Full PDB file with SEQRES, HELIX, SHEET, SSBOND, CRYST1, ORIGX, SCALE, CONECT and MASTER records, all heavy atoms in Angstrom:
SEQRES   1 A   38  PRO GLN LEU GLU GLY LEU CYS CYS PHE LEU GLN LEU SER          
SEQRES   2 A   38  THR CYS PRO GLU PRO PHE LEU VAL ARG PHE CYS SER TRP          
SEQRES   3 A   38  LEU LEU ALA LEU THR PRO ASP LEU SER TYR THR SER              
HELIX    1 AA1 GLN A    2  LEU A   10  1                                   9    
HELIX    2 AA2 GLU A   17  ALA A   29  1                                  13    
CRYST1    1.000    1.000    1.000  90.00  90.00  90.00 P 1           1          
ORIGX1      1.000000  0.000000  0.000000        0.00000                         
ORIGX2      0.000000  1.000000  0.000000        0.00000                         
ORIGX3      0.000000  0.000000  1.000000        0.00000                         
SCALE1      1.000000  0.000000  0.000000        0.00000                         
SCALE2      0.000000  1.000000  0.000000        0.00000                         
SCALE3      0.000000  0.000000  1.000000        0.00000                         
ATOM      1  N   PRO A   1      -3.907  58.873 -32.851  1.00  0.00           N  
ATOM      2  CA  PRO A   1      -3.070  60.063 -32.699  1.00  0.00           C  
ATOM      3  C   PRO A   1      -2.699  60.700 -34.034  1.00  0.00           C  
ATOM      4  O   PRO A   1      -2.650  61.920 -34.146  1.00  0.00           O  
ATOM      5  CB  PRO A   1      -1.829  59.540 -31.963  1.00  0.00           C  
ATOM      6  CG  PRO A   1      -2.280  58.300 -31.272  1.00  0.00           C  
ATOM      7  CD  PRO A   1      -3.326  57.704 -32.171  1.00  0.00           C  
ATOM      8  N   GLN A   2      -2.445  59.876 -35.058  1.00  0.00           N  
ATOM      9  CA  GLN A   2      -2.098  60.435 -36.371  1.00  0.00           C  
ATOM     10  C   GLN A   2      -3.269  61.229 -36.941  1.00  0.00           C  
ATOM     11  O   GLN A   2      -3.086  62.340 -37.437  1.00  0.00           O  
ATOM     12  CB  GLN A   2      -1.733  59.311 -37.354  1.00  0.00           C  
ATOM     13  CG  GLN A   2      -0.392  58.673 -37.103  1.00  0.00           C  
ATOM     14  CD  GLN A   2      -0.151  57.530 -38.070  1.00  0.00           C  
ATOM     15  OE1 GLN A   2      -1.023  56.692 -38.295  1.00  0.00           O  
ATOM     16  NE2 GLN A   2       1.036  57.482 -38.642  1.00  0.00           N  
ATOM     17  N   LEU A   3      -4.460  60.643 -36.885  1.00  0.00           N  
ATOM     18  CA  LEU A   3      -5.628  61.315 -37.449  1.00  0.00           C  
ATOM     19  C   LEU A   3      -5.969  62.563 -36.648  1.00  0.00           C  
ATOM     20  O   LEU A   3      -6.283  63.614 -37.214  1.00  0.00           O  
ATOM     21  CB  LEU A   3      -6.812  60.355 -37.503  1.00  0.00           C  
ATOM     22  CG  LEU A   3      -8.079  60.884 -38.186  1.00  0.00           C  
ATOM     23  CD1 LEU A   3      -7.776  61.417 -39.581  1.00  0.00           C  
ATOM     24  CD2 LEU A   3      -9.130  59.794 -38.257  1.00  0.00           C  
ATOM     25  N   GLU A   4      -5.896  62.471 -35.327  1.00  0.00           N  
ATOM     26  CA  GLU A   4      -6.161  63.642 -34.497  1.00  0.00           C  
ATOM     27  C   GLU A   4      -5.125  64.732 -34.759  1.00  0.00           C  
ATOM     28  O   GLU A   4      -5.449  65.918 -34.811  1.00  0.00           O  
ATOM     29  CB  GLU A   4      -6.187  63.258 -33.013  1.00  0.00           C  
ATOM     30  CG  GLU A   4      -7.439  62.481 -32.646  1.00  0.00           C  
ATOM     31  CD  GLU A   4      -7.416  61.935 -31.222  1.00  0.00           C  
ATOM     32  OE1 GLU A   4      -6.405  62.126 -30.514  1.00  0.00           O  
ATOM     33  OE2 GLU A   4      -8.418  61.316 -30.835  1.00  0.00           O  
ATOM     34  N   GLY A   5      -3.875  64.320 -34.934  1.00  0.00           N  
ATOM     35  CA  GLY A   5      -2.820  65.280 -35.250  1.00  0.00           C  
ATOM     36  C   GLY A   5      -3.066  65.962 -36.584  1.00  0.00           C  
ATOM     37  O   GLY A   5      -2.872  67.179 -36.720  1.00  0.00           O  
ATOM     38  N   LEU A   6      -3.489  65.183 -37.571  1.00  0.00           N  
ATOM     39  CA  LEU A   6      -3.796  65.754 -38.875  1.00  0.00           C  
ATOM     40  C   LEU A   6      -4.958  66.744 -38.774  1.00  0.00           C  
ATOM     41  O   LEU A   6      -4.923  67.830 -39.366  1.00  0.00           O  
ATOM     42  CB  LEU A   6      -4.132  64.630 -39.866  1.00  0.00           C  
ATOM     43  CG  LEU A   6      -4.467  65.035 -41.293  1.00  0.00           C  
ATOM     44  CD1 LEU A   6      -3.310  65.796 -41.928  1.00  0.00           C  
ATOM     45  CD2 LEU A   6      -4.823  63.806 -42.123  1.00  0.00           C  
ATOM     46  N   CYS A   7      -5.982  66.382 -37.995  1.00  0.00           N  
ATOM     47  CA  CYS A   7      -7.135  67.280 -37.809  1.00  0.00           C  
ATOM     48  C   CYS A   7      -6.701  68.583 -37.127  1.00  0.00           C  
ATOM     49  O   CYS A   7      -7.152  69.668 -37.510  1.00  0.00           O  
ATOM     50  CB  CYS A   7      -8.217  66.602 -36.967  1.00  0.00           C  
ATOM     51  SG  CYS A   7      -9.041  65.247 -37.813  1.00  0.00           S  
ATOM     52  N   CYS A   8      -5.835  68.460 -36.128  1.00  0.00           N  
ATOM     53  CA  CYS A   8      -5.332  69.663 -35.446  1.00  0.00           C  
ATOM     54  C   CYS A   8      -4.507  70.508 -36.403  1.00  0.00           C  
ATOM     55  O   CYS A   8      -4.627  71.741 -36.423  1.00  0.00           O  
ATOM     56  CB  CYS A   8      -4.503  69.286 -34.221  1.00  0.00           C  
ATOM     57  SG  CYS A   8      -5.487  68.620 -32.872  1.00  0.00           S  
ATOM     58  N   PHE A   9      -3.658  69.858 -37.199  1.00  0.00           N  
ATOM     59  CA  PHE A   9      -2.826  70.582 -38.160  1.00  0.00           C  
ATOM     60  C   PHE A   9      -3.700  71.355 -39.150  1.00  0.00           C  
ATOM     61  O   PHE A   9      -3.405  72.493 -39.496  1.00  0.00           O  
ATOM     62  CB  PHE A   9      -1.908  69.602 -38.900  1.00  0.00           C  
ATOM     63  CG  PHE A   9      -1.101  70.248 -39.983  1.00  0.00           C  
ATOM     64  CD1 PHE A   9       0.001  71.047 -39.673  1.00  0.00           C  
ATOM     65  CD2 PHE A   9      -1.434  70.066 -41.323  1.00  0.00           C  
ATOM     66  CE1 PHE A   9       0.747  71.654 -40.672  1.00  0.00           C  
ATOM     67  CE2 PHE A   9      -0.698  70.673 -42.326  1.00  0.00           C  
ATOM     68  CZ  PHE A   9       0.397  71.467 -42.000  1.00  0.00           C  
ATOM     69  N   LEU A  10      -4.777  70.719 -39.600  1.00  0.00           N  
ATOM     70  CA  LEU A  10      -5.694  71.370 -40.550  1.00  0.00           C  
ATOM     71  C   LEU A  10      -6.671  72.319 -39.861  1.00  0.00           C  
ATOM     72  O   LEU A  10      -7.461  72.977 -40.528  1.00  0.00           O  
ATOM     73  CB  LEU A  10      -6.477  70.308 -41.334  1.00  0.00           C  
ATOM     74  CG  LEU A  10      -5.654  69.396 -42.239  1.00  0.00           C  
ATOM     75  CD1 LEU A  10      -6.537  68.291 -42.821  1.00  0.00           C  
ATOM     76  CD2 LEU A  10      -4.989  70.195 -43.347  1.00  0.00           C  
ATOM     77  N   GLN A  11      -6.656  72.340 -38.514  1.00  0.00           N  
ATOM     78  CA  GLN A  11      -7.537  73.189 -37.708  1.00  0.00           C  
ATOM     79  C   GLN A  11      -9.011  72.963 -38.074  1.00  0.00           C  
ATOM     80  O   GLN A  11      -9.788  73.898 -38.227  1.00  0.00           O  
ATOM     81  CB  GLN A  11      -7.156  74.663 -37.869  1.00  0.00           C  
ATOM     82  CG  GLN A  11      -5.754  74.961 -37.387  1.00  0.00           C  
ATOM     83  CD  GLN A  11      -5.361  76.418 -37.545  1.00  0.00           C  
ATOM     84  OE1 GLN A  11      -5.931  77.154 -38.340  1.00  0.00           O  
ATOM     85  NE2 GLN A  11      -4.379  76.823 -36.772  1.00  0.00           N  
ATOM     86  N   LEU A  12      -9.377  71.694 -38.174  1.00  0.00           N  
ATOM     87  CA  LEU A  12     -10.729  71.346 -38.612  1.00  0.00           C  
ATOM     88  C   LEU A  12     -11.801  71.747 -37.609  1.00  0.00           C  
ATOM     89  O   LEU A  12     -12.923  72.054 -37.989  1.00  0.00           O  
ATOM     90  CB  LEU A  12     -10.828  69.847 -38.899  1.00  0.00           C  
ATOM     91  CG  LEU A  12     -10.004  69.354 -40.089  1.00  0.00           C  
ATOM     92  CD1 LEU A  12     -10.170  67.861 -40.263  1.00  0.00           C  
ATOM     93  CD2 LEU A  12     -10.371  70.095 -41.367  1.00  0.00           C  
ATOM     94  N   SER A  13     -11.460  71.741 -36.311  1.00  0.00           N  
ATOM     95  CA  SER A  13     -12.486  72.064 -35.323  1.00  0.00           C  
ATOM     96  C   SER A  13     -12.877  73.536 -35.335  1.00  0.00           C  
ATOM     97  O   SER A  13     -13.924  73.904 -34.803  1.00  0.00           O  
ATOM     98  CB  SER A  13     -12.031  71.648 -33.921  1.00  0.00           C  
ATOM     99  OG  SER A  13     -10.895  72.395 -33.545  1.00  0.00           O  
ATOM    100  N   THR A  14     -12.053  74.364 -35.959  1.00  0.00           N  
ATOM    101  CA  THR A  14     -12.351  75.809 -35.992  1.00  0.00           C  
ATOM    102  C   THR A  14     -12.379  76.370 -37.410  1.00  0.00           C  
ATOM    103  O   THR A  14     -12.440  77.590 -37.584  1.00  0.00           O  
ATOM    104  CB  THR A  14     -11.309  76.590 -35.169  1.00  0.00           C  
ATOM    105  OG1 THR A  14     -10.001  76.314 -35.683  1.00  0.00           O  
ATOM    106  CG2 THR A  14     -11.378  76.217 -33.699  1.00  0.00           C  
ATOM    107  N   CYS A  15     -12.321  75.519 -38.404  1.00  0.00           N  
ATOM    108  CA  CYS A  15     -12.295  76.028 -39.786  1.00  0.00           C  
ATOM    109  C   CYS A  15     -13.624  76.712 -40.113  1.00  0.00           C  
ATOM    110  O   CYS A  15     -14.664  76.410 -39.510  1.00  0.00           O  
ATOM    111  CB  CYS A  15     -12.016  74.901 -40.768  1.00  0.00           C  
ATOM    112  SG  CYS A  15     -13.353  73.709 -40.955  1.00  0.00           S  
ATOM    113  N   PRO A  16     -13.617  77.648 -41.058  1.00  0.00           N  
ATOM    114  CA  PRO A  16     -14.869  78.311 -41.449  1.00  0.00           C  
ATOM    115  C   PRO A  16     -15.895  77.292 -41.956  1.00  0.00           C  
ATOM    116  O   PRO A  16     -15.539  76.292 -42.586  1.00  0.00           O  
ATOM    117  CB  PRO A  16     -14.431  79.257 -42.569  1.00  0.00           C  
ATOM    118  CG  PRO A  16     -12.961  79.430 -42.394  1.00  0.00           C  
ATOM    119  CD  PRO A  16     -12.461  78.152 -41.793  1.00  0.00           C  
ATOM    120  N   GLU A  17     -17.152  77.550 -41.673  1.00  0.00           N  
ATOM    121  CA  GLU A  17     -18.196  76.567 -42.003  1.00  0.00           C  
ATOM    122  C   GLU A  17     -18.341  76.289 -43.500  1.00  0.00           C  
ATOM    123  O   GLU A  17     -18.602  75.146 -43.876  1.00  0.00           O  
ATOM    124  CB  GLU A  17     -19.516  76.989 -41.370  1.00  0.00           C  
ATOM    125  CG  GLU A  17     -19.460  76.826 -39.852  1.00  0.00           C  
ATOM    126  CD  GLU A  17     -20.714  77.245 -39.134  1.00  0.00           C  
ATOM    127  OE1 GLU A  17     -21.669  77.705 -39.794  1.00  0.00           O  
ATOM    128  OE2 GLU A  17     -20.752  77.114 -37.892  1.00  0.00           O  
ATOM    129  N   PRO A  18     -18.176  77.281 -44.394  1.00  0.00           N  
ATOM    130  CA  PRO A  18     -18.231  76.928 -45.827  1.00  0.00           C  
ATOM    131  C   PRO A  18     -17.140  75.919 -46.215  1.00  0.00           C  
ATOM    132  O   PRO A  18     -17.380  75.015 -47.012  1.00  0.00           O  
ATOM    133  CB  PRO A  18     -18.018  78.277 -46.534  1.00  0.00           C  
ATOM    134  CG  PRO A  18     -18.528  79.288 -45.547  1.00  0.00           C  
ATOM    135  CD  PRO A  18     -18.137  78.738 -44.204  1.00  0.00           C  
ATOM    136  N   PHE A  19     -15.947  76.039 -45.621  1.00  0.00           N  
ATOM    137  CA  PHE A  19     -14.893  75.060 -45.869  1.00  0.00           C  
ATOM    138  C   PHE A  19     -15.294  73.698 -45.324  1.00  0.00           C  
ATOM    139  O   PHE A  19     -15.005  72.667 -45.928  1.00  0.00           O  
ATOM    140  CB  PHE A  19     -13.581  75.526 -45.234  1.00  0.00           C  
ATOM    141  CG  PHE A  19     -12.489  74.492 -45.329  1.00  0.00           C  
ATOM    142  CD1 PHE A  19     -11.784  74.305 -46.511  1.00  0.00           C  
ATOM    143  CD2 PHE A  19     -12.186  73.666 -44.250  1.00  0.00           C  
ATOM    144  CE1 PHE A  19     -10.790  73.332 -46.613  1.00  0.00           C  
ATOM    145  CE2 PHE A  19     -11.206  72.695 -44.340  1.00  0.00           C  
ATOM    146  CZ  PHE A  19     -10.498  72.525 -45.521  1.00  0.00           C  
ATOM    147  N   LEU A  20     -15.958  73.695 -44.167  1.00  0.00           N  
ATOM    148  CA  LEU A  20     -16.410  72.451 -43.545  1.00  0.00           C  
ATOM    149  C   LEU A  20     -17.334  71.680 -44.487  1.00  0.00           C  
ATOM    150  O   LEU A  20     -17.232  70.464 -44.617  1.00  0.00           O  
ATOM    151  CB  LEU A  20     -17.119  72.762 -42.228  1.00  0.00           C  
ATOM    152  CG  LEU A  20     -17.554  71.596 -41.359  1.00  0.00           C  
ATOM    153  CD1 LEU A  20     -16.350  70.798 -40.880  1.00  0.00           C  
ATOM    154  CD2 LEU A  20     -18.353  72.096 -40.169  1.00  0.00           C  
ATOM    155  N   VAL A  21     -18.218  72.398 -45.165  1.00  0.00           N  
ATOM    156  CA  VAL A  21     -19.131  71.747 -46.118  1.00  0.00           C  
ATOM    157  C   VAL A  21     -18.336  71.096 -47.243  1.00  0.00           C  
ATOM    158  O   VAL A  21     -18.574  69.939 -47.607  1.00  0.00           O  
ATOM    159  CB  VAL A  21     -20.142  72.770 -46.692  1.00  0.00           C  
ATOM    160  CG1 VAL A  21     -21.003  72.137 -47.774  1.00  0.00           C  
ATOM    161  CG2 VAL A  21     -21.024  73.326 -45.581  1.00  0.00           C  
ATOM    162  N   ARG A  22     -17.377  71.837 -47.801  1.00  0.00           N  
ATOM    163  CA  ARG A  22     -16.556  71.283 -48.889  1.00  0.00           C  
ATOM    164  C   ARG A  22     -15.732  70.092 -48.407  1.00  0.00           C  
ATOM    165  O   ARG A  22     -15.613  69.080 -49.102  1.00  0.00           O  
ATOM    166  CB  ARG A  22     -15.640  72.365 -49.474  1.00  0.00           C  
ATOM    167  CG  ARG A  22     -16.373  73.434 -50.246  1.00  0.00           C  
ATOM    168  CD  ARG A  22     -15.459  74.244 -51.149  1.00  0.00           C  
ATOM    169  NE  ARG A  22     -14.337  74.842 -50.453  1.00  0.00           N  
ATOM    170  CZ  ARG A  22     -14.341  76.035 -49.880  1.00  0.00           C  
ATOM    171  NH1 ARG A  22     -15.436  76.760 -49.912  1.00  0.00           N  
ATOM    172  NH2 ARG A  22     -13.259  76.502 -49.281  1.00  0.00           N  
ATOM    173  N   PHE A  23     -15.184  70.204 -47.200  1.00  0.00           N  
ATOM    174  CA  PHE A  23     -14.383  69.119 -46.654  1.00  0.00           C  
ATOM    175  C   PHE A  23     -15.228  67.855 -46.492  1.00  0.00           C  
ATOM    176  O   PHE A  23     -14.787  66.754 -46.827  1.00  0.00           O  
ATOM    177  CB  PHE A  23     -13.768  69.541 -45.317  1.00  0.00           C  
ATOM    178  CG  PHE A  23     -12.800  68.540 -44.763  1.00  0.00           C  
ATOM    179  CD1 PHE A  23     -11.519  68.431 -45.289  1.00  0.00           C  
ATOM    180  CD2 PHE A  23     -13.164  67.703 -43.721  1.00  0.00           C  
ATOM    181  CE1 PHE A  23     -10.622  67.499 -44.791  1.00  0.00           C  
ATOM    182  CE2 PHE A  23     -12.267  66.777 -43.212  1.00  0.00           C  
ATOM    183  CZ  PHE A  23     -10.997  66.673 -43.745  1.00  0.00           C  
ATOM    184  N   CYS A  24     -16.452  68.010 -45.989  1.00  0.00           N  
ATOM    185  CA  CYS A  24     -17.339  66.841 -45.835  1.00  0.00           C  
ATOM    186  C   CYS A  24     -17.681  66.234 -47.191  1.00  0.00           C  
ATOM    187  O   CYS A  24     -17.772  65.007 -47.319  1.00  0.00           O  
ATOM    188  CB  CYS A  24     -18.602  67.236 -45.075  1.00  0.00           C  
ATOM    189  SG  CYS A  24     -18.310  67.447 -43.304  1.00  0.00           S  
ATOM    190  N   SER A  25     -17.856  67.057 -48.199  1.00  0.00           N  
ATOM    191  CA  SER A  25     -18.110  66.535 -49.555  1.00  0.00           C  
ATOM    192  C   SER A  25     -16.931  65.701 -50.030  1.00  0.00           C  
ATOM    193  O   SER A  25     -17.111  64.628 -50.630  1.00  0.00           O  
ATOM    194  CB  SER A  25     -18.354  67.680 -50.533  1.00  0.00           C  
ATOM    195  OG  SER A  25     -19.526  68.369 -50.193  1.00  0.00           O  
ATOM    196  N   TRP A  26     -15.724  66.172 -49.778  1.00  0.00           N  
ATOM    197  CA  TRP A  26     -14.535  65.407 -50.151  1.00  0.00           C  
ATOM    198  C   TRP A  26     -14.464  64.098 -49.378  1.00  0.00           C  
ATOM    199  O   TRP A  26     -14.119  63.062 -49.937  1.00  0.00           O  
ATOM    200  CB  TRP A  26     -13.266  66.220 -49.890  1.00  0.00           C  
ATOM    201  CG  TRP A  26     -13.113  67.423 -50.774  1.00  0.00           C  
ATOM    202  CD1 TRP A  26     -13.571  67.582 -52.050  1.00  0.00           C  
ATOM    203  CD2 TRP A  26     -12.445  68.645 -50.430  1.00  0.00           C  
ATOM    204  NE1 TRP A  26     -13.248  68.838 -52.521  1.00  0.00           N  
ATOM    205  CE2 TRP A  26     -12.550  69.507 -51.554  1.00  0.00           C  
ATOM    206  CE3 TRP A  26     -11.780  69.105 -49.299  1.00  0.00           C  
ATOM    207  CZ2 TRP A  26     -12.004  70.788 -51.561  1.00  0.00           C  
ATOM    208  CZ3 TRP A  26     -11.219  70.379 -49.306  1.00  0.00           C  
ATOM    209  CH2 TRP A  26     -11.339  71.198 -50.425  1.00  0.00           C  
ATOM    210  N   LEU A  27     -14.791  64.152 -48.085  1.00  0.00           N  
ATOM    211  CA  LEU A  27     -14.768  62.930 -47.275  1.00  0.00           C  
ATOM    212  C   LEU A  27     -15.713  61.875 -47.839  1.00  0.00           C  
ATOM    213  O   LEU A  27     -15.390  60.689 -47.892  1.00  0.00           O  
ATOM    214  CB  LEU A  27     -15.160  63.229 -45.828  1.00  0.00           C  
ATOM    215  CG  LEU A  27     -14.139  63.887 -44.930  1.00  0.00           C  
ATOM    216  CD1 LEU A  27     -14.751  64.169 -43.554  1.00  0.00           C  
ATOM    217  CD2 LEU A  27     -12.885  63.036 -44.779  1.00  0.00           C  
ATOM    218  N   LEU A  28     -16.899  62.323 -48.244  1.00  0.00           N  
ATOM    219  CA  LEU A  28     -17.899  61.369 -48.738  1.00  0.00           C  
ATOM    220  C   LEU A  28     -17.488  60.745 -50.057  1.00  0.00           C  
ATOM    221  O   LEU A  28     -17.949  59.665 -50.405  1.00  0.00           O  
ATOM    222  CB  LEU A  28     -19.257  62.060 -48.883  1.00  0.00           C  
ATOM    223  CG  LEU A  28     -19.865  62.587 -47.582  1.00  0.00           C  
ATOM    224  CD1 LEU A  28     -21.239  63.182 -47.839  1.00  0.00           C  
ATOM    225  CD2 LEU A  28     -19.969  61.501 -46.529  1.00  0.00           C  
ATOM    226  N   ALA A  29     -16.612  61.430 -50.792  1.00  0.00           N  
ATOM    227  CA  ALA A  29     -16.174  60.912 -52.093  1.00  0.00           C  
ATOM    228  C   ALA A  29     -14.983  59.960 -51.976  1.00  0.00           C  
ATOM    229  O   ALA A  29     -14.610  59.318 -52.954  1.00  0.00           O  
ATOM    230  CB  ALA A  29     -15.812  62.083 -53.005  1.00  0.00           C  
ATOM    231  N   LEU A  30     -14.388  59.867 -50.786  1.00  0.00           N  
ATOM    232  CA  LEU A  30     -13.220  59.007 -50.622  1.00  0.00           C  
ATOM    233  C   LEU A  30     -13.569  57.545 -50.823  1.00  0.00           C  
ATOM    234  O   LEU A  30     -14.639  57.083 -50.441  1.00  0.00           O  
ATOM    235  CB  LEU A  30     -12.630  59.170 -49.216  1.00  0.00           C  
ATOM    236  CG  LEU A  30     -11.893  60.460 -48.907  1.00  0.00           C  
ATOM    237  CD1 LEU A  30     -11.480  60.477 -47.446  1.00  0.00           C  
ATOM    238  CD2 LEU A  30     -10.682  60.627 -49.796  1.00  0.00           C  
ATOM    239  N   THR A  31     -12.640  56.814 -51.440  1.00  0.00           N  
ATOM    240  CA  THR A  31     -12.765  55.360 -51.529  1.00  0.00           C  
ATOM    241  C   THR A  31     -11.449  54.758 -51.084  1.00  0.00           C  
ATOM    242  O   THR A  31     -10.394  55.261 -51.462  1.00  0.00           O  
ATOM    243  CB  THR A  31     -13.102  54.906 -52.963  1.00  0.00           C  
ATOM    244  OG1 THR A  31     -12.155  55.448 -53.858  1.00  0.00           O  
ATOM    245  CG2 THR A  31     -14.493  55.324 -53.370  1.00  0.00           C  
ATOM    246  N   PRO A  32     -11.445  53.717 -50.322  1.00  0.00           N  
ATOM    247  CA  PRO A  32     -12.636  53.128 -49.696  1.00  0.00           C  
ATOM    248  C   PRO A  32     -13.218  54.052 -48.628  1.00  0.00           C  
ATOM    249  O   PRO A  32     -12.602  55.058 -48.278  1.00  0.00           O  
ATOM    250  CB  PRO A  32     -12.092  51.846 -49.065  1.00  0.00           C  
ATOM    251  CG  PRO A  32     -10.652  52.158 -48.782  1.00  0.00           C  
ATOM    252  CD  PRO A  32     -10.199  53.081 -49.886  1.00  0.00           C  
ATOM    253  N   ASP A  33     -14.387  53.681 -48.121  1.00  0.00           N  
ATOM    254  CA  ASP A  33     -15.015  54.469 -47.060  1.00  0.00           C  
ATOM    255  C   ASP A  33     -14.108  54.518 -45.833  1.00  0.00           C  
ATOM    256  O   ASP A  33     -13.280  53.636 -45.615  1.00  0.00           O  
ATOM    257  CB  ASP A  33     -16.356  53.847 -46.649  1.00  0.00           C  
ATOM    258  CG  ASP A  33     -17.417  54.014 -47.728  1.00  0.00           C  
ATOM    259  OD1 ASP A  33     -17.183  54.766 -48.697  1.00  0.00           O  
ATOM    260  OD2 ASP A  33     -18.484  53.396 -47.584  1.00  0.00           O  
ATOM    261  N   LEU A  34     -14.313  55.545 -45.039  1.00  0.00           N  
ATOM    262  CA  LEU A  34     -13.576  55.660 -43.781  1.00  0.00           C  
ATOM    263  C   LEU A  34     -13.930  54.495 -42.859  1.00  0.00           C  
ATOM    264  O   LEU A  34     -15.065  54.001 -42.884  1.00  0.00           O  
ATOM    265  CB  LEU A  34     -13.945  56.961 -43.070  1.00  0.00           C  
ATOM    266  CG  LEU A  34     -13.581  58.263 -43.786  1.00  0.00           C  
ATOM    267  CD1 LEU A  34     -14.227  59.437 -43.066  1.00  0.00           C  
ATOM    268  CD2 LEU A  34     -12.082  58.432 -43.857  1.00  0.00           C  
ATOM    269  N   SER A  35     -12.976  54.087 -42.057  1.00  0.00           N  
ATOM    270  CA  SER A  35     -13.277  53.076 -41.041  1.00  0.00           C  
ATOM    271  C   SER A  35     -14.173  53.706 -39.984  1.00  0.00           C  
ATOM    272  O   SER A  35     -14.262  54.936 -39.875  1.00  0.00           O  
ATOM    273  CB  SER A  35     -11.984  52.582 -40.384  1.00  0.00           C  
ATOM    274  OG  SER A  35     -11.413  53.614 -39.579  1.00  0.00           O  
ATOM    275  N   TYR A  36     -14.806  52.860 -39.182  1.00  0.00           N  
ATOM    276  CA  TYR A  36     -15.657  53.356 -38.098  1.00  0.00           C  
ATOM    277  C   TYR A  36     -14.849  54.274 -37.177  1.00  0.00           C  
ATOM    278  O   TYR A  36     -15.289  55.357 -36.808  1.00  0.00           O  
ATOM    279  CB  TYR A  36     -16.220  52.165 -37.313  1.00  0.00           C  
ATOM    280  CG  TYR A  36     -17.051  52.569 -36.122  1.00  0.00           C  
ATOM    281  CD1 TYR A  36     -18.420  52.725 -36.231  1.00  0.00           C  
ATOM    282  CD2 TYR A  36     -16.453  52.819 -34.880  1.00  0.00           C  
ATOM    283  CE1 TYR A  36     -19.188  53.119 -35.145  1.00  0.00           C  
ATOM    284  CE2 TYR A  36     -17.212  53.215 -33.796  1.00  0.00           C  
ATOM    285  CZ  TYR A  36     -18.573  53.364 -33.928  1.00  0.00           C  
ATOM    286  OH  TYR A  36     -19.316  53.762 -32.852  1.00  0.00           O  
ATOM    287  N   THR A  37     -13.651  53.845 -36.809  1.00  0.00           N  
ATOM    288  CA  THR A  37     -12.811  54.614 -35.887  1.00  0.00           C  
ATOM    289  C   THR A  37     -12.436  55.967 -36.485  1.00  0.00           C  
ATOM    290  O   THR A  37     -12.513  56.995 -35.802  1.00  0.00           O  
ATOM    291  CB  THR A  37     -11.539  53.816 -35.533  1.00  0.00           C  
ATOM    292  OG1 THR A  37     -11.928  52.560 -34.989  1.00  0.00           O  
ATOM    293  CG2 THR A  37     -10.683  54.560 -34.529  1.00  0.00           C  
ATOM    294  N   SER A  38     -12.031  55.972 -37.752  1.00  0.00           N  
ATOM    295  CA  SER A  38     -11.668  57.239 -38.405  1.00  0.00           C  
ATOM    296  C   SER A  38     -12.863  58.171 -38.490  1.00  0.00           C  
ATOM    297  O   SER A  38     -12.747  59.378 -38.241  1.00  0.00           O  
ATOM    298  CB  SER A  38     -11.111  56.977 -39.805  1.00  0.00           C  
ATOM    299  OG  SER A  38      -9.895  56.283 -39.727  1.00  0.00           O  
TER     300      SER A  38                                                      
MASTER        0    0    0    2    0    0    0    6  299    1    0    3          
END                                                                             
């Protein structure tokens, strides 16, 4: 629920696609890696 709430707050499901690319780049740079569930 926390992660889904954060995604809704950031409006990730409808964000512009160029932002989506940058967001995915940031995700890949995170350490440690995301859990399977996240």
